[in-house]
PDB file of N, CA and C in Angstrom:
ATOM      1  N   MET A   1       2.997  18.529  46.430  1.00  0.00           N
ATOM      2  CA  MET A   1       4.363  18.790  46.088  1.00  0.00           C
ATOM      3  C   MET A   1       4.474  20.199  45.515  1.00  0.00           C
ATOM      4  N   ASN A   2       5.471  20.942  45.904  1.00  0.00           N
ATOM      5  CA  ASN A   2       5.686  22.259  45.506  1.00  0.00           C
ATOM      6  C   ASN A   2       6.858  22.209  44.515  1.00  0.00           C
ATOM      7  N   ILE A   3       6.820  22.949  43.445  1.00  0.00           N
ATOM      8  CA  ILE A   3       7.895  22.959  42.371  1.00  0.00           C
ATOM      9  C   ILE A   3       8.393  24.298  42.144  1.00  0.00           C
ATOM     10  N   GLN A   4       9.570  24.603  42.505  1.00  0.00           N
ATOM     11  CA  GLN A   4      10.144  25.875  42.281  1.00  0.00           C
ATOM     12  C   GLN A   4      11.020  25.780  40.959  1.00  0.00           C
ATOM     13  N   GLN A   5      10.964  26.833  40.123  1.00  0.00           N
ATOM     14  CA  GLN A   5      11.805  26.831  38.905  1.00  0.00           C
ATOM     15  C   GLN A   5      12.354  28.191  38.615  1.00  0.00           C
ATOM     16  N   ASN A   6      13.650  28.222  38.272  1.00  0.00           N
ATOM     17  CA  ASN A   6      14.248  29.510  37.823  1.00  0.00           C
ATOM     18  C   ASN A   6      15.376  29.238  36.972  1.00  0.00           C
ATOM     19  N   VAL A   7      15.827  30.270  36.339  1.00  0.00           N
ATOM     20  CA  VAL A   7      17.061  30.124  35.417  1.00  0.00           C
ATOM     21  C   VAL A   7      18.209  30.929  36.046  1.00  0.00           C
ATOM     22  N   LEU A   8      19.332  30.246  36.202  1.00  0.00           N
ATOM     23  CA  LEU A   8      20.546  30.798  36.714  1.00  0.00           C
ATOM     24  C   LEU A   8      21.621  30.654  35.724  1.00  0.00           C
ATOM     25  N   ASP A   9      22.157  31.730  35.180  1.00  0.00           N
ATOM     26  CA  ASP A   9      23.206  31.756  34.257  1.00  0.00           C
ATOM     27  C   ASP A   9      22.962  30.732  33.031  1.00  0.00           C
ATOM     28  N   GLY A  10      21.695  30.851  32.620  1.00  0.00           N
ATOM     29  CA  GLY A  10      21.307  30.082  31.386  1.00  0.00           C
ATOM     30  C   GLY A  10      20.925  28.624  31.706  1.00  0.00           C
ATOM     31  N   VAL A  11      21.005  28.238  32.969  1.00  0.00           N
ATOM     32  CA  VAL A  11      20.676  26.867  33.335  1.00  0.00           C
ATOM     33  C   VAL A  11      19.285  26.842  34.092  1.00  0.00           C
ATOM     34  N   THR A  12      18.399  26.081  33.636  1.00  0.00           N
ATOM     35  CA  THR A  12      17.066  25.850  34.280  1.00  0.00           C
ATOM     36  C   THR A  12      17.259  25.014  35.421  1.00  0.00           C
ATOM     37  N   VAL A  13      16.855  25.539  36.633  1.00  0.00           N
ATOM     38  CA  VAL A  13      16.888  24.782  37.835  1.00  0.00           C
ATOM     39  C   VAL A  13      15.454  24.522  38.322  1.00  0.00           C
ATOM     40  N   ILE A  14      15.138  23.236  38.439  1.00  0.00           N
ATOM     41  CA  ILE A  14      13.893  22.743  38.898  1.00  0.00           C
ATOM     42  C   ILE A  14      13.995  22.106  40.263  1.00  0.00           C
ATOM     43  N   ALA A  15      13.293  22.600  41.211  1.00  0.00           N
ATOM     44  CA  ALA A  15      13.486  22.136  42.602  1.00  0.00           C
ATOM     45  C   ALA A  15      12.119  21.686  43.164  1.00  0.00           C
ATOM     46  N   PRO A  16      11.839  20.385  43.133  1.00  0.00           N
ATOM     47  CA  PRO A  16      10.630  19.899  43.761  1.00  0.00           C
ATOM     48  C   PRO A  16      10.838  19.751  45.247  1.00  0.00           C
ATOM     49  N   ALA A  17       9.740  19.902  46.007  1.00  0.00           N
ATOM     50  CA  ALA A  17       9.822  19.672  47.465  1.00  0.00           C
ATOM     51  C   ALA A  17       8.661  18.766  47.894  1.00  0.00           C
ATOM     52  N   GLY A  18       9.074  17.907  48.877  1.00  0.00           N
ATOM     53  CA  GLY A  18       8.095  17.019  49.369  1.00  0.00           C
ATOM     54  C   GLY A  18       8.242  15.636  48.890  1.00  0.00           C
ATOM     55  N   ARG A  19       7.259  14.845  48.743  1.00  0.00           N
ATOM     56  CA  ARG A  19       7.313  13.442  48.217  1.00  0.00           C
ATOM     57  C   ARG A  19       7.124  13.413  46.775  1.00  0.00           C
ATOM     58  N   LEU A  20       7.922  12.635  46.141  1.00  0.00           N
ATOM     59  CA  LEU A  20       7.867  12.332  44.649  1.00  0.00           C
ATOM     60  C   LEU A  20       7.370  10.951  44.456  1.00  0.00           C
ATOM     61  N   ASP A  21       6.127  10.788  44.245  1.00  0.00           N
ATOM     62  CA  ASP A  21       5.496   9.488  44.119  1.00  0.00           C
ATOM     63  C   ASP A  21       4.430   9.379  43.096  1.00  0.00           C
ATOM     64  N   THR A  22       3.566   8.393  43.055  1.00  0.00           N
ATOM     65  CA  THR A  22       2.546   8.233  42.006  1.00  0.00           C
ATOM     66  C   THR A  22       1.622   9.469  41.911  1.00  0.00           C
ATOM     67  N   THR A  23       1.312  10.020  43.066  1.00  0.00           N
ATOM     68  CA  THR A  23       0.355  11.207  43.070  1.00  0.00           C
ATOM     69  C   THR A  23       1.041  12.458  42.514  1.00  0.00           C
ATOM     70  N   THR A  24       2.284  12.689  42.925  1.00  0.00           N
ATOM     71  CA  THR A  24       2.956  13.910  42.636  1.00  0.00           C
ATOM     72  C   THR A  24       3.939  13.980  41.422  1.00  0.00           C
ATOM     73  N   SER A  25       4.156  12.739  40.937  1.00  0.00           N
ATOM     74  CA  SER A  25       5.066  12.724  39.738  1.00  0.00           C
ATOM     75  C   SER A  25       4.521  13.339  38.532  1.00  0.00           C
ATOM     76  N   GLY A  26       3.142  13.283  38.303  1.00  0.00           N
ATOM     77  CA  GLY A  26       2.560  13.889  37.169  1.00  0.00           C
ATOM     78  C   GLY A  26       2.842  15.447  37.042  1.00  0.00           C
ATOM     79  N   PRO A  27       2.588  16.231  38.126  1.00  0.00           N
ATOM     80  CA  PRO A  27       2.882  17.629  38.055  1.00  0.00           C
ATOM     81  C   PRO A  27       4.308  17.884  37.781  1.00  0.00           C
ATOM     82  N   LEU A  28       5.230  17.144  38.258  1.00  0.00           N
ATOM     83  CA  LEU A  28       6.687  17.383  38.023  1.00  0.00           C
ATOM     84  C   LEU A  28       6.951  17.056  36.574  1.00  0.00           C
ATOM     85  N   GLU A  29       6.391  15.921  36.000  1.00  0.00           N
ATOM     86  CA  GLU A  29       6.658  15.571  34.701  1.00  0.00           C
ATOM     87  C   GLU A  29       6.154  16.718  33.753  1.00  0.00           C
ATOM     88  N   GLU A  30       4.979  17.190  33.988  1.00  0.00           N
ATOM     89  CA  GLU A  30       4.395  18.245  33.212  1.00  0.00           C
ATOM     90  C   GLU A  30       5.312  19.522  33.258  1.00  0.00           C
ATOM     91  N   ALA A  31       5.791  19.910  34.427  1.00  0.00           N
ATOM     92  CA  ALA A  31       6.643  21.057  34.559  1.00  0.00           C
ATOM     93  C   ALA A  31       7.882  20.908  33.727  1.00  0.00           C
ATOM     94  N   ILE A  32       8.501  19.675  33.895  1.00  0.00           N
ATOM     95  CA  ILE A  32       9.652  19.471  33.073  1.00  0.00           C
ATOM     96  C   ILE A  32       9.409  19.429  31.589  1.00  0.00           C
ATOM     97  N   ARG A  33       8.323  18.835  31.133  1.00  0.00           N
ATOM     98  CA  ARG A  33       7.981  18.715  29.742  1.00  0.00           C
ATOM     99  C   ARG A  33       7.824  20.185  29.200  1.00  0.00           C
ATOM    100  N   LYS A  34       7.142  21.053  29.901  1.00  0.00           N
ATOM    101  CA  LYS A  34       6.871  22.439  29.452  1.00  0.00           C
ATOM    102  C   LYS A  34       8.239  23.109  29.356  1.00  0.00           C
ATOM    103  N   THR A  35       9.078  22.935  30.313  1.00  0.00           N
ATOM    104  CA  THR A  35      10.393  23.623  30.297  1.00  0.00           C
ATOM    105  C   THR A  35      11.285  23.188  29.138  1.00  0.00           C
ATOM    106  N   VAL A  36      11.335  21.877  28.823  1.00  0.00           N
ATOM    107  CA  VAL A  36      12.023  21.388  27.764  1.00  0.00           C
ATOM    108  C   VAL A  36      11.488  21.751  26.436  1.00  0.00           C
ATOM    109  N   ASP A  37      10.169  21.661  26.293  1.00  0.00           N
ATOM    110  CA  ASP A  37       9.449  22.097  25.085  1.00  0.00           C
ATOM    111  C   ASP A  37       9.645  23.590  24.745  1.00  0.00           C
ATOM    112  N   ALA A  38       9.907  24.389  25.781  1.00  0.00           N
ATOM    113  CA  ALA A  38      10.113  25.873  25.688  1.00  0.00           C
ATOM    114  C   ALA A  38      11.629  26.161  25.234  1.00  0.00           C
ATOM    115  N   GLY A  39      12.437  25.039  25.219  1.00  0.00           N
ATOM    116  CA  GLY A  39      13.809  25.220  24.672  1.00  0.00           C
ATOM    117  C   GLY A  39      14.927  25.043  25.690  1.00  0.00           C
ATOM    118  N   ALA A  40      14.620  24.690  26.958  1.00  0.00           N
ATOM    119  CA  ALA A  40      15.710  24.471  27.935  1.00  0.00           C
ATOM    120  C   ALA A  40      16.507  23.274  27.548  1.00  0.00           C
ATOM    121  N   ARG A  41      17.862  23.351  27.559  1.00  0.00           N
ATOM    122  CA  ARG A  41      18.663  22.311  27.213  1.00  0.00           C
ATOM    123  C   ARG A  41      19.692  22.061  28.241  1.00  0.00           C
ATOM    124  N   ASP A  42      19.864  22.953  29.232  1.00  0.00           N
ATOM    125  CA  ASP A  42      20.731  22.719  30.433  1.00  0.00           C
ATOM    126  C   ASP A  42      19.840  22.778  31.624  1.00  0.00           C
ATOM    127  N   VAL A  43      19.622  21.557  32.259  1.00  0.00           N
ATOM    128  CA  VAL A  43      18.584  21.460  33.290  1.00  0.00           C
ATOM    129  C   VAL A  43      19.273  20.900  34.590  1.00  0.00           C
ATOM    130  N   VAL A  44      19.076  21.432  35.737  1.00  0.00           N
ATOM    131  CA  VAL A  44      19.402  20.851  37.011  1.00  0.00           C
ATOM    132  C   VAL A  44      18.139  20.557  37.724  1.00  0.00           C
ATOM    133  N   ILE A  45      18.091  19.373  38.278  1.00  0.00           N
ATOM    134  CA  ILE A  45      16.955  18.923  39.209  1.00  0.00           C
ATOM    135  C   ILE A  45      17.540  18.925  40.549  1.00  0.00           C
ATOM    136  N   ASP A  46      17.113  19.804  41.451  1.00  0.00           N
ATOM    137  CA  ASP A  46      17.634  19.868  42.775  1.00  0.00           C
ATOM    138  C   ASP A  46      16.704  19.183  43.847  1.00  0.00           C
ATOM    139  N   PHE A  47      17.189  18.111  44.383  1.00  0.00           N
ATOM    140  CA  PHE A  47      16.350  17.250  45.274  1.00  0.00           C
ATOM    141  C   PHE A  47      16.463  17.639  46.751  1.00  0.00           C
ATOM    142  N   ALA A  48      17.138  18.754  47.025  1.00  0.00           N
ATOM    143  CA  ALA A  48      17.348  19.168  48.407  1.00  0.00           C
ATOM    144  C   ALA A  48      16.152  18.997  49.348  1.00  0.00           C
ATOM    145  N   ASP A  49      15.001  19.380  48.787  1.00  0.00           N
ATOM    146  CA  ASP A  49      13.840  19.322  49.651  1.00  0.00           C
ATOM    147  C   ASP A  49      12.833  18.210  49.369  1.00  0.00           C
ATOM    148  N   VAL A  50      13.348  17.194  48.624  1.00  0.00           N
ATOM    149  CA  VAL A  50      12.600  15.915  48.369  1.00  0.00           C
ATOM    150  C   VAL A  50      12.978  14.934  49.518  1.00  0.00           C
ATOM    151  N   ASP A  51      11.956  14.506  50.191  1.00  0.00           N
ATOM    152  CA  ASP A  51      12.117  13.490  51.304  1.00  0.00           C
ATOM    153  C   ASP A  51      11.805  12.128  50.923  1.00  0.00           C
ATOM    154  N   TYR A  52      11.269  11.862  49.777  1.00  0.00           N
ATOM    155  CA  TYR A  52      10.904  10.393  49.352  1.00  0.00           C
ATOM    156  C   TYR A  52      10.710  10.404  47.826  1.00  0.00           C
ATOM    157  N   ILE A  53      11.198   9.344  47.266  1.00  0.00           N
ATOM    158  CA  ILE A  53      10.961   9.169  45.799  1.00  0.00           C
ATOM    159  C   ILE A  53      10.592   7.723  45.544  1.00  0.00           C
ATOM    160  N   SER A  54       9.491   7.477  44.771  1.00  0.00           N
ATOM    161  CA  SER A  54       9.067   6.214  44.481  1.00  0.00           C
ATOM    162  C   SER A  54       9.474   5.783  43.043  1.00  0.00           C
ATOM    163  N   SER A  55       9.110   4.645  42.516  1.00  0.00           N
ATOM    164  CA  SER A  55       9.415   4.255  41.164  1.00  0.00           C
ATOM    165  C   SER A  55       8.729   5.144  40.154  1.00  0.00           C
ATOM    166  N   ALA A  56       7.601   5.716  40.554  1.00  0.00           N
ATOM    167  CA  ALA A  56       7.032   6.740  39.610  1.00  0.00           C
ATOM    168  C   ALA A  56       7.869   7.899  39.384  1.00  0.00           C
ATOM    169  N   GLY A  57       8.491   8.398  40.525  1.00  0.00           N
ATOM    170  CA  GLY A  57       9.413   9.540  40.418  1.00  0.00           C
ATOM    171  C   GLY A  57      10.640   9.186  39.595  1.00  0.00           C
ATOM    172  N   LEU A  58      11.191   7.953  39.766  1.00  0.00           N
ATOM    173  CA  LEU A  58      12.304   7.492  39.063  1.00  0.00           C
ATOM    174  C   LEU A  58      12.013   7.455  37.563  1.00  0.00           C
ATOM    175  N   ARG A  59      10.827   7.018  37.171  1.00  0.00           N
ATOM    176  CA  ARG A  59      10.374   6.949  35.823  1.00  0.00           C
ATOM    177  C   ARG A  59      10.332   8.391  35.089  1.00  0.00           C
ATOM    178  N   VAL A  60       9.915   9.338  35.882  1.00  0.00           N
ATOM    179  CA  VAL A  60       9.855  10.696  35.315  1.00  0.00           C
ATOM    180  C   VAL A  60      11.288  11.067  34.938  1.00  0.00           C
ATOM    181  N   LEU A  61      12.310  10.786  35.828  1.00  0.00           N
ATOM    182  CA  LEU A  61      13.710  11.230  35.617  1.00  0.00           C
ATOM    183  C   LEU A  61      14.262  10.462  34.467  1.00  0.00           C
ATOM    184  N   LEU A  62      13.924   9.160  34.323  1.00  0.00           N
ATOM    185  CA  LEU A  62      14.390   8.297  33.286  1.00  0.00           C
ATOM    186  C   LEU A  62      13.953   8.891  31.932  1.00  0.00           C
ATOM    187  N   VAL A  63      12.677   9.161  31.797  1.00  0.00           N
ATOM    188  CA  VAL A  63      12.069   9.776  30.666  1.00  0.00           C
ATOM    189  C   VAL A  63      12.757  11.067  30.299  1.00  0.00           C
ATOM    190  N   LEU A  64      13.021  11.928  31.320  1.00  0.00           N
ATOM    191  CA  LEU A  64      13.732  13.252  31.039  1.00  0.00           C
ATOM    192  C   LEU A  64      15.138  12.978  30.598  1.00  0.00           C
ATOM    193  N   ALA A  65      15.875  12.049  31.207  1.00  0.00           N
ATOM    194  CA  ALA A  65      17.253  11.787  30.783  1.00  0.00           C
ATOM    195  C   ALA A  65      17.242  11.411  29.266  1.00  0.00           C
ATOM    196  N   LYS A  66      16.351  10.472  28.927  1.00  0.00           N
ATOM    197  CA  LYS A  66      16.293  10.079  27.561  1.00  0.00           C
ATOM    198  C   LYS A  66      15.958  11.231  26.573  1.00  0.00           C
ATOM    199  N   ARG A  67      15.085  11.981  26.991  1.00  0.00           N
ATOM    200  CA  ARG A  67      14.685  13.140  26.169  1.00  0.00           C
ATOM    201  C   ARG A  67      15.838  14.183  25.982  1.00  0.00           C
ATOM    202  N   MET A  68      16.499  14.404  27.087  1.00  0.00           N
ATOM    203  CA  MET A  68      17.625  15.329  27.042  1.00  0.00           C
ATOM    204  C   MET A  68      18.825  14.770  26.182  1.00  0.00           C
ATOM    205  N   ARG A  69      19.021  13.491  26.275  1.00  0.00           N
ATOM    206  CA  ARG A  69      19.979  12.887  25.367  1.00  0.00           C
ATOM    207  C   ARG A  69      19.630  13.006  23.880  1.00  0.00           C
ATOM    208  N   ASP A  70      18.383  12.797  23.611  1.00  0.00           N
ATOM    209  CA  ASP A  70      17.829  12.882  22.248  1.00  0.00           C
ATOM    210  C   ASP A  70      18.046  14.369  21.704  1.00  0.00           C
ATOM    211  N   LEU A  71      17.857  15.315  22.594  1.00  0.00           N
ATOM    212  CA  LEU A  71      17.851  16.728  22.196  1.00  0.00           C
ATOM    213  C   LEU A  71      19.301  17.365  22.377  1.00  0.00           C
ATOM    214  N   LYS A  72      20.279  16.497  22.739  1.00  0.00           N
ATOM    215  CA  LYS A  72      21.621  16.912  22.982  1.00  0.00           C
ATOM    216  C   LYS A  72      21.699  17.898  24.061  1.00  0.00           C
ATOM    217  N   GLY A  73      20.839  17.806  25.039  1.00  0.00           N
ATOM    218  CA  GLY A  73      20.804  18.590  26.184  1.00  0.00           C
ATOM    219  C   GLY A  73      21.686  18.074  27.260  1.00  0.00           C
ATOM    220  N   ARG A  74      21.726  18.775  28.467  1.00  0.00           N
ATOM    221  CA  ARG A  74      22.543  18.325  29.569  1.00  0.00           C
ATOM    222  C   ARG A  74      21.636  18.410  30.823  1.00  0.00           C
ATOM    223  N   LEU A  75      21.719  17.365  31.654  1.00  0.00           N
ATOM    224  CA  LEU A  75      20.952  17.156  32.806  1.00  0.00           C
ATOM    225  C   LEU A  75      21.869  16.750  33.971  1.00  0.00           C
ATOM    226  N   VAL A  76      21.709  17.550  35.034  1.00  0.00           N
ATOM    227  CA  VAL A  76      22.421  17.197  36.301  1.00  0.00           C
ATOM    228  C   VAL A  76      21.463  17.147  37.489  1.00  0.00           C
ATOM    229  N   LEU A  77      21.560  16.124  38.317  1.00  0.00           N
ATOM    230  CA  LEU A  77      20.758  15.939  39.512  1.00  0.00           C
ATOM    231  C   LEU A  77      21.626  16.453  40.680  1.00  0.00           C
ATOM    232  N   CYS A  78      21.023  17.044  41.640  1.00  0.00           N
ATOM    233  CA  CYS A  78      21.939  17.542  42.776  1.00  0.00           C
ATOM    234  C   CYS A  78      21.075  17.573  44.103  1.00  0.00           C
ATOM    235  N   GLY A  79      21.829  17.641  45.183  1.00  0.00           N
ATOM    236  CA  GLY A  79      21.172  17.871  46.508  1.00  0.00           C
ATOM    237  C   GLY A  79      20.369  16.739  47.098  1.00  0.00           C
ATOM    238  N   MET A  80      20.719  15.500  46.669  1.00  0.00           N
ATOM    239  CA  MET A  80      19.936  14.339  47.136  1.00  0.00           C
ATOM    240  C   MET A  80      20.147  14.001  48.579  1.00  0.00           C
ATOM    241  N   PRO A  81      19.144  14.100  49.453  1.00  0.00           N
ATOM    242  CA  PRO A  81      19.203  13.537  50.765  1.00  0.00           C
ATOM    243  C   PRO A  81      19.545  12.081  50.750  1.00  0.00           C
ATOM    244  N   GLU A  82      20.195  11.563  51.743  1.00  0.00           N
ATOM    245  CA  GLU A  82      20.651  10.195  51.748  1.00  0.00           C
ATOM    246  C   GLU A  82      19.542   9.165  51.472  1.00  0.00           C
ATOM    247  N   PRO A  83      18.273   9.351  51.961  1.00  0.00           N
ATOM    248  CA  PRO A  83      17.224   8.346  51.664  1.00  0.00           C
ATOM    249  C   PRO A  83      16.925   8.286  50.150  1.00  0.00           C
ATOM    250  N   VAL A  84      16.945   9.491  49.549  1.00  0.00           N
ATOM    251  CA  VAL A  84      16.597   9.575  48.118  1.00  0.00           C
ATOM    252  C   VAL A  84      17.861   9.047  47.286  1.00  0.00           C
ATOM    253  N   ARG A  85      19.037   9.310  47.713  1.00  0.00           N
ATOM    254  CA  ARG A  85      20.221   8.776  47.065  1.00  0.00           C
ATOM    255  C   ARG A  85      20.198   7.176  47.180  1.00  0.00           C
ATOM    256  N   GLN A  86      19.828   6.647  48.255  1.00  0.00           N
ATOM    257  CA  GLN A  86      19.714   5.175  48.428  1.00  0.00           C
ATOM    258  C   GLN A  86      18.773   4.577  47.453  1.00  0.00           C
ATOM    259  N   VAL A  87      17.631   5.191  47.278  1.00  0.00           N
ATOM    260  CA  VAL A  87      16.638   4.724  46.300  1.00  0.00           C
ATOM    261  C   VAL A  87      17.309   4.615  44.849  1.00  0.00           C
ATOM    262  N   PHE A  88      17.967   5.745  44.529  1.00  0.00           N
ATOM    263  CA  PHE A  88      18.747   5.748  43.177  1.00  0.00           C
ATOM    264  C   PHE A  88      19.693   4.647  43.181  1.00  0.00           C
ATOM    265  N   HIS A  89      20.473   4.494  44.234  1.00  0.00           N
ATOM    266  CA  HIS A  89      21.530   3.448  44.266  1.00  0.00           C
ATOM    267  C   HIS A  89      20.895   2.010  44.125  1.00  0.00           C
ATOM    268  N   LEU A  90      19.891   1.708  44.974  1.00  0.00           N
ATOM    269  CA  LEU A  90      19.278   0.428  44.971  1.00  0.00           C
ATOM    270  C   LEU A  90      18.575   0.075  43.652  1.00  0.00           C
ATOM    271  N   ALA A  91      18.047   1.123  42.961  1.00  0.00           N
ATOM    272  CA  ALA A  91      17.437   0.888  41.692  1.00  0.00           C
ATOM    273  C   ALA A  91      18.513   0.846  40.540  1.00  0.00           C
ATOM    274  N   GLY A  92      19.709   1.134  40.852  1.00  0.00           N
ATOM    275  CA  GLY A  92      20.708   1.004  39.847  1.00  0.00           C
ATOM    276  C   GLY A  92      20.670   2.251  38.894  1.00  0.00           C
ATOM    277  N   PHE A  93      20.111   3.411  39.403  1.00  0.00           N
ATOM    278  CA  PHE A  93      19.960   4.586  38.555  1.00  0.00           C
ATOM    279  C   PHE A  93      21.142   5.553  38.652  1.00  0.00           C
ATOM    280  N   LEU A  94      22.015   5.472  39.704  1.00  0.00           N
ATOM    281  CA  LEU A  94      23.079   6.482  39.919  1.00  0.00           C
ATOM    282  C   LEU A  94      23.964   6.604  38.637  1.00  0.00           C
ATOM    283  N   PRO A  95      24.356   5.445  38.091  1.00  0.00           N
ATOM    284  CA  PRO A  95      25.258   5.505  36.870  1.00  0.00           C
ATOM    285  C   PRO A  95      24.559   6.200  35.680  1.00  0.00           C
ATOM    286  N   LEU A  96      23.286   6.256  35.676  1.00  0.00           N
ATOM    287  CA  LEU A  96      22.560   6.798  34.473  1.00  0.00           C
ATOM    288  C   LEU A  96      22.485   8.322  34.450  1.00  0.00           C
ATOM    289  N   PHE A  97      22.944   8.962  35.565  1.00  0.00           N
ATOM    290  CA  PHE A  97      22.776  10.400  35.696  1.00  0.00           C
ATOM    291  C   PHE A  97      24.087  11.077  36.169  1.00  0.00           C
ATOM    292  N   SER A  98      24.316  12.290  35.815  1.00  0.00           N
ATOM    293  CA  SER A  98      25.351  13.209  36.343  1.00  0.00           C
ATOM    294  C   SER A  98      24.760  13.618  37.685  1.00  0.00           C
ATOM    295  N   VAL A  99      25.479  13.407  38.749  1.00  0.00           N
ATOM    296  CA  VAL A  99      24.906  13.723  40.113  1.00  0.00           C
ATOM    297  C   VAL A  99      26.015  14.548  40.840  1.00  0.00           C
ATOM    298  N   GLU A 100      25.582  15.635  41.409  1.00  0.00           N
ATOM    299  CA  GLU A 100      26.388  16.569  42.266  1.00  0.00           C
ATOM    300  C   GLU A 100      25.809  16.704  43.607  1.00  0.00           C
ATOM    301  N   ARG A 101      26.650  17.033  44.546  1.00  0.00           N
ATOM    302  CA  ARG A 101      26.200  17.135  45.971  1.00  0.00           C
ATOM    303  C   ARG A 101      25.339  18.370  46.215  1.00  0.00           C
ATOM    304  N   SER A 102      25.630  19.447  45.528  1.00  0.00           N
ATOM    305  CA  SER A 102      24.874  20.753  45.783  1.00  0.00           C
ATOM    306  C   SER A 102      24.498  21.380  44.474  1.00  0.00           C
ATOM    307  N   ARG A 103      23.590  22.342  44.611  1.00  0.00           N
ATOM    308  CA  ARG A 103      23.205  23.180  43.468  1.00  0.00           C
ATOM    309  C   ARG A 103      24.442  23.835  42.855  1.00  0.00           C
ATOM    310  N   ASP A 104      25.236  24.453  43.784  1.00  0.00           N
ATOM    311  CA  ASP A 104      26.394  25.232  43.362  1.00  0.00           C
ATOM    312  C   ASP A 104      27.382  24.370  42.557  1.00  0.00           C
ATOM    313  N   THR A 105      27.672  23.122  42.948  1.00  0.00           N
ATOM    314  CA  THR A 105      28.526  22.261  42.154  1.00  0.00           C
ATOM    315  C   THR A 105      27.819  21.839  40.815  1.00  0.00           C
ATOM    316  N   ALA A 106      26.565  21.670  40.918  1.00  0.00           N
ATOM    317  CA  ALA A 106      25.840  21.332  39.614  1.00  0.00           C
ATOM    318  C   ALA A 106      26.019  22.478  38.571  1.00  0.00           C
ATOM    319  N   LEU A 107      25.734  23.699  39.102  1.00  0.00           N
ATOM    320  CA  LEU A 107      25.840  24.841  38.180  1.00  0.00           C
ATOM    321  C   LEU A 107      27.305  25.026  37.709  1.00  0.00           C
ATOM    322  N   ALA A 108      28.259  24.789  38.494  1.00  0.00           N
ATOM    323  CA  ALA A 108      29.656  24.925  38.262  1.00  0.00           C
ATOM    324  C   ALA A 108      30.034  23.833  37.087  1.00  0.00           C
ATOM    325  N   ARG A 109      29.336  22.731  37.134  1.00  0.00           N
ATOM    326  CA  ARG A 109      29.718  21.713  36.087  1.00  0.00           C
ATOM    327  C   ARG A 109      29.270  22.284  34.708  1.00  0.00           C
ATOM    328  N   PHE A 110      28.098  22.973  34.644  1.00  0.00           N
ATOM    329  CA  PHE A 110      27.668  23.587  33.382  1.00  0.00           C
ATOM    330  C   PHE A 110      28.636  24.745  32.952  1.00  0.00           C
ATOM    331  N   ALA A 111      29.138  25.499  33.941  1.00  0.00           N
ATOM    332  CA  ALA A 111      30.065  26.589  33.539  1.00  0.00           C
ATOM    333  C   ALA A 111      31.355  25.996  33.031  1.00  0.00           C
ATOM    334  N   ALA A 112      31.809  24.895  33.673  1.00  0.00           N
ATOM    335  CA  ALA A 112      33.057  24.317  33.293  1.00  0.00           C
ATOM    336  C   ALA A 112      33.055  23.731  31.919  1.00  0.00           C
ATOM    337  N   HIS A 113      31.908  23.291  31.401  1.00  0.00           N
ATOM    338  CA  HIS A 113      31.693  22.621  30.157  1.00  0.00           C
ATOM    339  C   HIS A 113      30.914  23.460  29.099  1.00  0.00           C
ATOM    340  N   SER A 114      30.965  24.704  29.228  1.00  0.00           N
ATOM    341  CA  SER A 114      30.264  25.605  28.251  1.00  0.00           C
ATOM    342  C   SER A 114      31.061  25.733  27.031  1.00  0.00           C
TER     343      SER A 114
END
């Protein structure tokens, strides 16, 4: 798994690529933890290049969502390919997250609520 990370207009964008499963969820969880520990409170996770997500990947996101709520941070997921979106839907996770179709609309959501 490759994980790109940058800051755009004060919003941290984390963009994993590849499969998000038991093997790869650890590095993503660590990258997210370091980012939040460093003070990031507005975070976008861009799934555009993720082709598979397992329950281990879902767990990482659930932990992140809880942590962001506790810290009064904001989290938006975006760019989900249909197979990834289906996993979120079938697991009942879609209502737990703010989800946008693209990175641009996710970033616009932060700009609109600043």
